[in-house]
Each structure stands twice: as C-alpha cells, then as structure tokens.
Amino acid sequence: VFHGGSLCQNVTPLRVHTRHRPLLLP
C-alpha cells in the first residue's frame, strides 16, 4: 500500500485450494 498498491479486503470467499492452517505447522 505504501508503494501505491491496493488490497483485496476479504479473500476467504475466493479461496478454492487453500484454507487457514495452524500457525505452528507449515
């Protein structure tokens, strides 16, 4: 954002192949 870019405010509904994962596991 500092460099003039933008963000998608909510990607969760757009995800198909990924989901939240535990912080301690890669």
PDB file of all heavy atoms in Angstrom:
ATOM      1  N   VAL A   1       0.838  -1.205   0.000  1.00  0.00           N
ATOM      2  CA  VAL A   1       0.000   0.000   0.000  1.00  0.00           C
ATOM      3  C   VAL A   1       0.872   1.254   0.000  1.00  0.00           C
ATOM      4  O   VAL A   1       0.584   2.227  -0.709  1.00  0.00           O
ATOM      5  CB  VAL A   1      -0.948  -0.018   1.215  1.00  0.00           C
ATOM      6  CG1 VAL A   1      -1.671   1.323   1.366  1.00  0.00           C
ATOM      7  CG2 VAL A   1      -1.974  -1.146   1.070  1.00  0.00           C
ATOM      8  N   PHE A   2       1.934   1.245   0.778  1.00  0.00           N
ATOM      9  CA  PHE A   2       2.854   2.379   0.834  1.00  0.00           C
ATOM     10  C   PHE A   2       3.416   2.708  -0.552  1.00  0.00           C
ATOM     11  O   PHE A   2       3.644   3.874  -0.883  1.00  0.00           O
ATOM     12  CB  PHE A   2       3.999   2.065   1.802  1.00  0.00           C
ATOM     13  CG  PHE A   2       5.056   3.130   1.898  1.00  0.00           C
ATOM     14  CD1 PHE A   2       4.853   4.265   2.668  1.00  0.00           C
ATOM     15  CD2 PHE A   2       6.261   2.997   1.215  1.00  0.00           C
ATOM     16  CE1 PHE A   2       5.841   5.248   2.757  1.00  0.00           C
ATOM     17  CE2 PHE A   2       7.252   3.972   1.301  1.00  0.00           C
ATOM     18  CZ  PHE A   2       7.035   5.106   2.075  1.00  0.00           C
ATOM     19  N   HIS A   3       3.608   1.672  -1.371  1.00  0.00           N
ATOM     20  CA  HIS A   3       4.142   1.854  -2.719  1.00  0.00           C
ATOM     21  C   HIS A   3       3.045   2.067  -3.762  1.00  0.00           C
ATOM     22  O   HIS A   3       3.307   1.967  -4.958  1.00  0.00           O
ATOM     23  CB  HIS A   3       5.004   0.653  -3.100  1.00  0.00           C
ATOM     24  CG  HIS A   3       6.360   0.661  -2.453  1.00  0.00           C
ATOM     25  ND1 HIS A   3       7.468   1.222  -3.044  1.00  0.00           N
ATOM     26  CD2 HIS A   3       6.779   0.215  -1.244  1.00  0.00           C
ATOM     27  CE1 HIS A   3       8.510   1.111  -2.242  1.00  0.00           C
ATOM     28  NE2 HIS A   3       8.131   0.498  -1.141  1.00  0.00           N
ATOM     29  N   GLY A   4       1.834   2.356  -3.308  1.00  0.00           N
ATOM     30  CA  GLY A   4       0.756   2.704  -4.225  1.00  0.00           C
ATOM     31  C   GLY A   4      -0.123   1.558  -4.660  1.00  0.00           C
ATOM     32  O   GLY A   4      -0.970   1.734  -5.550  1.00  0.00           O
ATOM     33  N   GLY A   5       0.034   0.387  -4.051  1.00  0.00           N
ATOM     34  CA  GLY A   5      -0.789  -0.763  -4.396  1.00  0.00           C
ATOM     35  C   GLY A   5      -2.083  -0.807  -3.597  1.00  0.00           C
ATOM     36  O   GLY A   5      -2.366   0.077  -2.787  1.00  0.00           O
ATOM     37  N   SER A   6      -2.865  -1.842  -3.821  1.00  0.00           N
ATOM     38  CA  SER A   6      -4.139  -2.000  -3.115  1.00  0.00           C
ATOM     39  C   SER A   6      -4.254  -3.420  -2.573  1.00  0.00           C
ATOM     40  O   SER A   6      -3.431  -4.292  -2.873  1.00  0.00           O
ATOM     41  CB  SER A   6      -5.316  -1.699  -4.045  1.00  0.00           C
ATOM     42  OG  SER A   6      -5.416  -2.697  -5.058  1.00  0.00           O
ATOM     43  N   LEU A   7      -5.300  -3.644  -1.770  1.00  0.00           N
ATOM     44  CA  LEU A   7      -5.546  -4.943  -1.159  1.00  0.00           C
ATOM     45  C   LEU A   7      -6.940  -5.447  -1.505  1.00  0.00           C
ATOM     46  O   LEU A   7      -7.862  -4.664  -1.736  1.00  0.00           O
ATOM     47  CB  LEU A   7      -5.423  -4.855   0.370  1.00  0.00           C
ATOM     48  CG  LEU A   7      -4.125  -4.296   0.946  1.00  0.00           C
ATOM     49  CD1 LEU A   7      -4.217  -4.244   2.463  1.00  0.00           C
ATOM     50  CD2 LEU A   7      -2.931  -5.124   0.498  1.00  0.00           C
ATOM     51  N   CYS A   8      -7.072  -6.760  -1.539  1.00  0.00           N
ATOM     52  CA  CYS A   8      -8.388  -7.403  -1.560  1.00  0.00           C
ATOM     53  C   CYS A   8      -8.812  -7.505  -0.106  1.00  0.00           C
ATOM     54  O   CYS A   8      -8.108  -8.107   0.712  1.00  0.00           O
ATOM     55  CB  CYS A   8      -8.304  -8.779  -2.207  1.00  0.00           C
ATOM     56  SG  CYS A   8      -9.871  -9.689  -2.180  1.00  0.00           S
ATOM     57  N   GLN A   9      -9.948  -6.914   0.253  1.00  0.00           N
ATOM     58  CA  GLN A   9     -10.325  -6.800   1.649  1.00  0.00           C
ATOM     59  C   GLN A   9     -10.781  -8.113   2.277  1.00  0.00           C
ATOM     60  O   GLN A   9     -10.741  -8.252   3.505  1.00  0.00           O
ATOM     61  CB  GLN A   9     -11.405  -5.737   1.824  1.00  0.00           C
ATOM     62  CG  GLN A   9     -10.923  -4.343   1.464  1.00  0.00           C
ATOM     63  CD  GLN A   9     -11.923  -3.271   1.822  1.00  0.00           C
ATOM     64  OE1 GLN A   9     -12.585  -3.327   2.857  1.00  0.00           O
ATOM     65  NE2 GLN A   9     -12.042  -2.275   0.946  1.00  0.00           N
ATOM     66  N   ASN A  10     -11.192  -9.072   1.477  1.00  0.00           N
ATOM     67  CA  ASN A  10     -11.594 -10.371   2.031  1.00  0.00           C
ATOM     68  C   ASN A  10     -11.414 -11.456   0.965  1.00  0.00           C
ATOM     69  O   ASN A  10     -12.229 -11.589   0.062  1.00  0.00           O
ATOM     70  CB  ASN A  10     -13.044 -10.340   2.508  1.00  0.00           C
ATOM     71  CG  ASN A  10     -13.452 -11.637   3.203  1.00  0.00           C
ATOM     72  OD1 ASN A  10     -12.594 -12.456   3.556  1.00  0.00           O
ATOM     73  ND2 ASN A  10     -14.742 -11.823   3.409  1.00  0.00           N
ATOM     74  N   VAL A  11     -10.342 -12.226   1.109  1.00  0.00           N
ATOM     75  CA  VAL A  11     -10.066 -13.274   0.114  1.00  0.00           C
ATOM     76  C   VAL A  11     -10.706 -14.613   0.478  1.00  0.00           C
ATOM     77  O   VAL A  11     -10.727 -15.523  -0.353  1.00  0.00           O
ATOM     78  CB  VAL A  11      -8.546 -13.480  -0.059  1.00  0.00           C
ATOM     79  CG1 VAL A  11      -7.876 -12.205  -0.540  1.00  0.00           C
ATOM     80  CG2 VAL A  11      -7.908 -13.973   1.233  1.00  0.00           C
ATOM     81  N   THR A  12     -11.223 -14.734   1.693  1.00  0.00           N
ATOM     82  CA  THR A  12     -11.727 -16.033   2.163  1.00  0.00           C
ATOM     83  C   THR A  12     -12.765 -16.633   1.226  1.00  0.00           C
ATOM     84  O   THR A  12     -12.667 -17.826   0.875  1.00  0.00           O
ATOM     85  CB  THR A  12     -12.292 -15.909   3.589  1.00  0.00           C
ATOM     86  OG1 THR A  12     -11.266 -15.394   4.451  1.00  0.00           O
ATOM     87  CG2 THR A  12     -12.753 -17.263   4.107  1.00  0.00           C
ATOM     88  N   PRO A  13     -13.778 -15.893   0.748  1.00  0.00           N
ATOM     89  CA  PRO A  13     -14.768 -16.490  -0.164  1.00  0.00           C
ATOM     90  C   PRO A  13     -14.195 -16.864  -1.524  1.00  0.00           C
ATOM     91  O   PRO A  13     -14.811 -17.641  -2.273  1.00  0.00           O
ATOM     92  CB  PRO A  13     -15.834 -15.393  -0.313  1.00  0.00           C
ATOM     93  CG  PRO A  13     -15.596 -14.445   0.809  1.00  0.00           C
ATOM     94  CD  PRO A  13     -14.133 -14.499   1.076  1.00  0.00           C
ATOM     95  N   LEU A  14     -13.031 -16.308  -1.854  1.00  0.00           N
ATOM     96  CA  LEU A  14     -12.425 -16.532  -3.166  1.00  0.00           C
ATOM     97  C   LEU A  14     -11.483 -17.726  -3.190  1.00  0.00           C
ATOM     98  O   LEU A  14     -11.018 -18.136  -4.252  1.00  0.00           O
ATOM     99  CB  LEU A  14     -11.656 -15.277  -3.598  1.00  0.00           C
ATOM    100  CG  LEU A  14     -12.449 -13.963  -3.604  1.00  0.00           C
ATOM    101  CD1 LEU A  14     -11.538 -12.804  -3.976  1.00  0.00           C
ATOM    102  CD2 LEU A  14     -13.634 -14.045  -4.555  1.00  0.00           C
ATOM    103  N   ARG A  15     -11.210 -18.290  -2.035  1.00  0.00           N
ATOM    104  CA  ARG A  15     -10.258 -19.394  -1.960  1.00  0.00           C
ATOM    105  C   ARG A  15     -10.922 -20.717  -2.348  1.00  0.00           C
ATOM    106  O   ARG A  15     -12.049 -20.992  -1.965  1.00  0.00           O
ATOM    107  CB  ARG A  15      -9.662 -19.495  -0.557  1.00  0.00           C
ATOM    108  CG  ARG A  15      -8.730 -18.332  -0.237  1.00  0.00           C
ATOM    109  CD  ARG A  15      -7.893 -18.614   0.988  1.00  0.00           C
ATOM    110  NE  ARG A  15      -6.895 -17.568   1.194  1.00  0.00           N
ATOM    111  CZ  ARG A  15      -5.730 -17.509   0.583  1.00  0.00           C
ATOM    112  NH1 ARG A  15      -5.396 -18.447  -0.297  1.00  0.00           N
ATOM    113  NH2 ARG A  15      -4.878 -16.531   0.815  1.00  0.00           N
ATOM    114  N   VAL A  16     -10.160 -21.513  -3.097  1.00  0.00           N
ATOM    115  CA  VAL A  16     -10.624 -22.828  -3.532  1.00  0.00           C
ATOM    116  C   VAL A  16      -9.676 -23.921  -3.042  1.00  0.00           C
ATOM    117  O   VAL A  16     -10.096 -24.941  -2.499  1.00  0.00           O
ATOM    118  CB  VAL A  16     -10.746 -22.900  -5.073  1.00  0.00           C
ATOM    119  CG1 VAL A  16     -11.167 -24.305  -5.513  1.00  0.00           C
ATOM    120  CG2 VAL A  16     -11.733 -21.855  -5.581  1.00  0.00           C
ATOM    121  N   HIS A  17      -8.385 -23.687  -3.199  1.00  0.00           N
ATOM    122  CA  HIS A  17      -7.387 -24.721  -2.930  1.00  0.00           C
ATOM    123  C   HIS A  17      -6.613 -24.496  -1.631  1.00  0.00           C
ATOM    124  O   HIS A  17      -5.735 -25.285  -1.308  1.00  0.00           O
ATOM    125  CB  HIS A  17      -6.389 -24.793  -4.088  1.00  0.00           C
ATOM    126  CG  HIS A  17      -7.038 -25.055  -5.416  1.00  0.00           C
ATOM    127  ND1 HIS A  17      -7.645 -26.259  -5.723  1.00  0.00           N
ATOM    128  CD2 HIS A  17      -7.186 -24.256  -6.503  1.00  0.00           C
ATOM    129  CE1 HIS A  17      -8.133 -26.191  -6.949  1.00  0.00           C
ATOM    130  NE2 HIS A  17      -7.876 -24.996  -7.447  1.00  0.00           N
ATOM    131  N   THR A  18      -6.922 -23.417  -0.913  1.00  0.00           N
ATOM    132  CA  THR A  18      -6.202 -23.141   0.327  1.00  0.00           C
ATOM    133  C   THR A  18      -7.194 -22.786   1.425  1.00  0.00           C
ATOM    134  O   THR A  18      -8.320 -22.353   1.154  1.00  0.00           O
ATOM    135  CB  THR A  18      -5.212 -21.967   0.160  1.00  0.00           C
ATOM    136  OG1 THR A  18      -5.939 -20.806  -0.250  1.00  0.00           O
ATOM    137  CG2 THR A  18      -4.146 -22.294  -0.864  1.00  0.00           C
ATOM    138  N   ARG A  19      -6.762 -22.954   2.652  1.00  0.00           N
ATOM    139  CA  ARG A  19      -7.588 -22.580   3.801  1.00  0.00           C
ATOM    140  C   ARG A  19      -6.671 -22.246   4.970  1.00  0.00           C
ATOM    141  O   ARG A  19      -5.464 -22.422   4.900  1.00  0.00           O
ATOM    142  CB  ARG A  19      -8.537 -23.724   4.185  1.00  0.00           C
ATOM    143  CG  ARG A  19      -7.868 -25.044   4.482  1.00  0.00           C
ATOM    144  CD  ARG A  19      -8.916 -26.158   4.603  1.00  0.00           C
ATOM    145  NE  ARG A  19      -8.300 -27.464   4.807  1.00  0.00           N
ATOM    146  CZ  ARG A  19      -7.987 -27.987   5.993  1.00  0.00           C
ATOM    147  NH1 ARG A  19      -8.231 -27.281   7.094  1.00  0.00           N
ATOM    148  NH2 ARG A  19      -7.444 -29.171   6.096  1.00  0.00           N
ATOM    149  N   HIS A  20      -7.271 -21.740   6.060  1.00  0.00           N
ATOM    150  CA  HIS A  20      -6.473 -21.394   7.227  1.00  0.00           C
ATOM    151  C   HIS A  20      -5.761 -22.632   7.752  1.00  0.00           C
ATOM    152  O   HIS A  20      -6.319 -23.711   7.803  1.00  0.00           O
ATOM    153  CB  HIS A  20      -7.373 -20.809   8.330  1.00  0.00           C
ATOM    154  CG  HIS A  20      -7.671 -19.362   8.123  1.00  0.00           C
ATOM    155  ND1 HIS A  20      -8.332 -18.895   7.022  1.00  0.00           N
ATOM    156  CD2 HIS A  20      -7.389 -18.275   8.888  1.00  0.00           C
ATOM    157  CE1 HIS A  20      -8.464 -17.578   7.113  1.00  0.00           C
ATOM    158  NE2 HIS A  20      -7.899 -17.185   8.233  1.00  0.00           N
ATOM    159  N   ARG A  21      -4.516 -22.434   8.148  1.00  0.00           N
ATOM    160  CA  ARG A  21      -3.717 -23.527   8.680  1.00  0.00           C
ATOM    161  C   ARG A  21      -3.183 -23.130  10.056  1.00  0.00           C
ATOM    162  O   ARG A  21      -3.025 -21.949  10.340  1.00  0.00           O
ATOM    163  CB  ARG A  21      -2.533 -23.819   7.752  1.00  0.00           C
ATOM    164  CG  ARG A  21      -2.950 -24.255   6.347  1.00  0.00           C
ATOM    165  CD  ARG A  21      -3.577 -25.635   6.341  1.00  0.00           C
ATOM    166  NE  ARG A  21      -3.755 -26.130   4.973  1.00  0.00           N
ATOM    167  CZ  ARG A  21      -4.257 -27.315   4.666  1.00  0.00           C
ATOM    168  NH1 ARG A  21      -4.631 -28.135   5.633  1.00  0.00           N
ATOM    169  NH2 ARG A  21      -4.387 -27.693   3.421  1.00  0.00           N
ATOM    170  N   PRO A  22      -2.893 -24.088  10.926  1.00  0.00           N
ATOM    171  CA  PRO A  22      -2.335 -23.740  12.241  1.00  0.00           C
ATOM    172  C   PRO A  22      -1.033 -22.977  12.106  1.00  0.00           C
ATOM    173  O   PRO A  22      -0.212 -23.252  11.231  1.00  0.00           O
ATOM    174  CB  PRO A  22      -2.103 -25.116  12.896  1.00  0.00           C
ATOM    175  CG  PRO A  22      -3.034 -26.046  12.177  1.00  0.00           C
ATOM    176  CD  PRO A  22      -3.110 -25.530  10.777  1.00  0.00           C
ATOM    177  N   LEU A  23      -0.840 -22.003  12.993  1.00  0.00           N
ATOM    178  CA  LEU A  23       0.351 -21.159  12.917  1.00  0.00           C
ATOM    179  C   LEU A  23       1.641 -21.941  13.076  1.00  0.00           C
ATOM    180  O   LEU A  23       2.670 -21.586  12.502  1.00  0.00           O
ATOM    181  CB  LEU A  23       0.284 -20.075  14.002  1.00  0.00           C
ATOM    182  CG  LEU A  23      -0.507 -18.821  13.643  1.00  0.00           C
ATOM    183  CD1 LEU A  23      -0.650 -17.930  14.872  1.00  0.00           C
ATOM    184  CD2 LEU A  23       0.173 -18.050  12.520  1.00  0.00           C
ATOM    185  N   LEU A  24       1.604 -23.011  13.857  1.00  0.00           N
ATOM    186  CA  LEU A  24       2.833 -23.730  14.168  1.00  0.00           C
ATOM    187  C   LEU A  24       3.186 -24.801  13.147  1.00  0.00           C
ATOM    188  O   LEU A  24       4.217 -25.461  13.286  1.00  0.00           O
ATOM    189  CB  LEU A  24       2.732 -24.363  15.568  1.00  0.00           C
ATOM    190  CG  LEU A  24       2.648 -23.368  16.725  1.00  0.00           C
ATOM    191  CD1 LEU A  24       2.427 -24.106  18.033  1.00  0.00           C
ATOM    192  CD2 LEU A  24       3.917 -22.529  16.799  1.00  0.00           C
ATOM    193  N   LEU A  25       2.347 -24.967  12.125  1.00  0.00           N
ATOM    194  CA  LEU A  25       2.596 -26.019  11.141  1.00  0.00           C
ATOM    195  C   LEU A  25       2.661 -25.431   9.729  1.00  0.00           C
ATOM    196  O   LEU A  25       1.736 -24.731   9.309  1.00  0.00           O
ATOM    197  CB  LEU A  25       1.506 -27.090  11.204  1.00  0.00           C
ATOM    198  CG  LEU A  25       1.380 -27.869  12.519  1.00  0.00           C
ATOM    199  CD1 LEU A  25       0.190 -28.815  12.471  1.00  0.00           C
ATOM    200  CD2 LEU A  25       2.666 -28.632  12.807  1.00  0.00           C
ATOM    201  N   PRO A  26       3.714 -25.717   8.974  1.00  0.00           N
ATOM    202  CA  PRO A  26       3.859 -25.189   7.609  1.00  0.00           C
ATOM    203  C   PRO A  26       3.109 -26.058   6.594  1.00  0.00           C
ATOM    204  O   PRO A  26       3.715 -26.746   5.774  1.00  0.00           O
ATOM    205  CB  PRO A  26       5.377 -25.227   7.385  1.00  0.00           C
ATOM    206  CG  PRO A  26       5.827 -26.395   8.204  1.00  0.00           C
ATOM    207  CD  PRO A  26       4.926 -26.440   9.410  1.00  0.00           C
TER     208      PRO A  26
END
